[in-house]
Protein backbone atom coordinates (compact mmCIF):
# COMPACT_ATOMS: atom_id res chain seq x y z
CA UNK A 1 -14.65 5.91 2.85
CA UNK A 2 -14.65 3.30 5.53
CA UNK A 3 -11.81 0.99 6.43
CA UNK A 4 -12.58 -2.51 7.67
CA UNK A 5 -10.17 -3.70 10.32
CA UNK A 6 -9.13 -7.24 9.31
CA UNK A 7 -6.10 -7.91 11.50
CA UNK A 8 -3.15 -9.91 10.28
CA UNK A 9 -0.86 -11.60 12.82
CA UNK A 10 2.09 -11.01 10.46
CA UNK A 11 3.72 -7.83 11.72
CA UNK A 12 6.39 -6.58 14.08
CA UNK A 13 7.46 -3.32 15.67
CA UNK A 14 9.18 -0.66 13.57
CA UNK A 15 12.66 0.37 14.72
CA UNK A 16 12.54 3.00 17.46
CA UNK A 17 11.88 6.49 16.12
CA UNK A 18 11.13 5.35 12.55
CA UNK A 19 7.97 6.66 10.88
CA UNK A 20 6.69 5.74 7.42
CA UNK A 21 7.97 7.96 4.61
CA UNK A 22 7.16 5.67 1.67
CA UNK A 23 4.07 3.92 0.31
CA UNK A 24 4.78 0.74 -1.62
CA UNK A 25 1.95 -0.13 -4.03
CA UNK A 26 1.53 -3.84 -4.79
CA UNK A 27 -0.71 -6.05 -6.90
CA UNK A 28 -1.71 -9.28 -5.23
CA UNK A 29 -1.86 -11.58 -8.28
CA UNK A 30 -4.87 -13.06 -6.50
CA UNK A 31 -8.60 -12.54 -6.14
CA UNK A 32 -10.89 -10.92 -3.60
CA UNK A 33 -11.76 -14.35 -2.23
CA UNK A 34 -8.14 -15.49 -1.87
CA UNK A 35 -6.20 -12.36 -0.87
CA UNK A 36 -7.65 -11.52 2.54
CA UNK A 37 -7.40 -15.10 3.89
CA UNK A 38 -3.77 -15.35 2.71
CA UNK A 39 -2.69 -11.97 4.12
CA UNK A 40 -4.26 -12.76 7.50
CA UNK A 41 -2.98 -16.33 7.75
CA UNK A 42 -0.07 -16.81 10.20
CA UNK A 43 1.29 -19.59 7.98
CA UNK A 44 1.83 -17.16 5.05
CA UNK A 45 4.22 -14.95 7.05
CA UNK A 46 3.28 -12.05 4.74
CA UNK A 47 1.05 -9.06 5.19
CA UNK A 48 0.53 -5.48 4.15
CA UNK A 49 -0.92 -2.54 5.96
CA UNK A 50 -3.91 -2.31 3.62
CA UNK A 51 -5.73 -4.36 1.00
CA UNK A 52 -7.93 -2.69 -1.64
CA UNK A 53 -10.42 -5.12 -3.19
CA UNK A 54 -11.84 -5.04 -6.74
CA UNK A 55 -14.98 -3.29 -5.43
CA UNK A 56 -12.92 -0.64 -3.62
CA UNK A 57 -13.31 -1.98 -0.10
CA UNK A 58 -10.28 -1.14 2.04
CA UNK A 59 -9.11 -3.60 4.69
CA UNK A 60 -6.56 -2.49 7.29
CA UNK A 61 -4.47 -5.54 8.08
CA UNK A 62 -1.70 -3.92 10.12
CA UNK A 63 -1.78 -0.50 11.78
CA UNK A 64 0.57 1.82 9.84
CA UNK A 65 2.57 2.58 12.98
CA UNK A 66 3.65 -1.07 12.97
CA UNK A 67 5.81 -2.92 10.43
CA UNK A 68 3.98 -5.15 7.95
CA UNK A 69 5.85 -7.84 6.03
CA UNK A 70 5.22 -6.84 2.41
CA UNK A 71 8.50 -5.77 0.80
CA UNK A 72 10.79 -8.75 1.30
CA UNK A 73 14.40 -8.26 0.19
CA UNK A 74 14.31 -4.60 -0.80
CA UNK A 75 16.00 -1.21 -0.82
CA UNK A 76 15.08 2.35 -1.73
CA UNK A 77 17.62 5.06 -2.45
CA UNK A 78 20.37 3.01 -0.80
CA UNK A 79 18.35 2.25 2.31
CA UNK A 80 17.62 -1.44 2.91
CA UNK A 81 14.83 -3.15 4.84
CA UNK A 82 12.05 -1.14 3.21
CA UNK A 83 9.47 -2.68 5.56
CA UNK A 84 11.04 -0.60 8.34
CA UNK A 85 9.99 2.76 6.85
CA UNK A 86 7.14 2.03 4.45
CA UNK A 87 3.43 1.39 4.30
CA UNK A 88 2.42 -1.50 2.06
CA UNK A 89 -0.81 -1.33 0.07
CA UNK A 90 -1.93 -4.44 -1.78
CA UNK A 91 -4.46 -4.01 -4.58
CA UNK A 92 -6.29 -7.12 -5.71
CA UNK A 93 -5.41 -7.60 -9.36
CA UNK A 94 -4.25 -10.41 -11.58
CA UNK A 95 -1.51 -9.60 -14.11
CA UNK A 96 -4.07 -9.97 -16.91
CA UNK A 97 -6.68 -7.62 -15.38
CA UNK A 98 -7.19 -3.89 -15.43
CA UNK A 99 -7.66 -2.07 -12.15
CA UNK A 100 -11.21 -0.92 -11.44
CA UNK A 101 -12.47 2.64 -11.06
CA UNK A 102 -13.48 1.74 -7.50
CA UNK A 103 -9.91 0.64 -6.74
CA UNK A 104 -8.40 3.87 -8.04
CA UNK A 105 -10.90 5.94 -6.01
CA UNK A 106 -10.23 3.92 -2.85
CA UNK A 107 -6.45 3.92 -3.38
CA UNK A 108 -6.49 7.68 -3.98
CA UNK A 109 -8.46 8.30 -0.81
CA UNK A 110 -6.14 6.00 1.14
CA UNK A 111 -3.03 7.66 -0.33
CA UNK A 112 -4.39 11.09 0.61
CA UNK A 113 -5.21 9.92 4.14
CA UNK A 114 -1.74 8.46 4.65
CA UNK A 115 -0.08 11.61 3.28
CA UNK A 116 -2.08 13.67 5.79
CA UNK A 117 -0.83 11.60 8.72
CA UNK A 118 2.74 10.75 7.78
CA UNK A 119 5.60 12.68 6.13
CA UNK A 120 5.11 11.06 2.72
CA UNK A 121 5.94 13.17 -0.31
CA UNK A 122 4.68 12.70 -3.87
CA UNK A 123 7.96 10.96 -4.69
CA UNK A 124 7.27 8.59 -1.78
CA UNK A 125 4.86 6.47 -3.85
CA UNK A 126 6.62 3.50 -5.46
CA UNK A 127 5.78 0.17 -6.98
CA UNK A 128 7.03 -3.08 -5.53
CA UNK A 129 9.19 -3.44 -8.66
CA UNK A 130 11.01 -0.21 -7.71
CA UNK A 131 12.25 -1.53 -4.38
CA UNK A 132 12.88 -5.11 -5.55
CA UNK A 133 14.05 -4.75 -9.17
CA UNK A 134 14.52 -8.01 -11.01
CA UNK A 135 12.57 -9.84 -8.30
CA UNK A 136 9.12 -8.23 -8.51
CA UNK A 137 7.01 -6.76 -11.32
CA UNK A 138 3.91 -5.53 -9.52
CA UNK A 139 1.79 -3.50 -9.61
CA UNK A 140 2.15 -4.49 -13.29
CA UNK A 141 2.21 -2.47 -16.49
CA UNK A 142 -1.52 -1.69 -16.50
CA UNK A 143 -1.35 0.32 -13.25
CA UNK A 144 -1.86 3.99 -14.14
CA UNK A 145 0.22 6.11 -11.78
CA UNK A 146 -1.30 9.32 -13.15
CA UNK A 147 -4.77 8.08 -12.29
CA UNK A 148 -3.66 7.27 -8.74
CA UNK A 149 -2.23 10.78 -8.28
CA UNK A 150 -5.37 12.37 -9.78
CA UNK A 151 -7.49 10.45 -7.28
CA UNK A 152 -5.22 11.53 -4.40
CA UNK A 153 -5.66 15.17 -5.47
CA UNK A 154 -9.43 14.70 -5.88
CA UNK A 155 -9.69 13.21 -2.38
CA UNK A 156 -7.49 15.99 -0.98
CA UNK A 157 -9.72 18.68 -2.49
CA UNK A 158 -12.89 16.98 -1.25
CA UNK A 159 -11.47 16.75 2.28
CA UNK A 160 -9.92 20.21 2.28
CA UNK A 161 -6.80 18.39 3.41
CA UNK A 162 -3.22 19.48 3.88
CA UNK A 163 -0.28 17.14 3.79
CA UNK A 164 2.46 16.80 6.38
CA UNK A 165 5.79 18.27 5.36
CA UNK A 166 8.48 15.63 5.04
């Protein structure tokens, strides 16, 4: 799969020595035509590392070595400022829509690729609702975590990949 570099100005440096150990999966609550302009607009002051469109196109908005502004007020396992140690992946989807096969394939490939390059374990895949309970509900009830993990394994097998040990 190819990744289109669509840079967002909304990022900052990670704290010194911090590498991503978590992938936060989001739903945009928008559309293909509205999400990319919003996530790359300096006025929005939000971003993610990646955006997966309805057709499965992957846009890299912020290099994963940098900190994207996707998590907001958040914590994971007692550790605050989730943006510091996570990679944010937005998937275009309205709360009333199902995710597409192309999105699951692209998200699985992206998840596999990120697990190959960073010390991200299987338990390091969380929804936005997990890090911001009571404040966020995405990626919504219709997101099938099992399907995501199946696609990660399928992409791993196709690539003959190994994952970094955390």
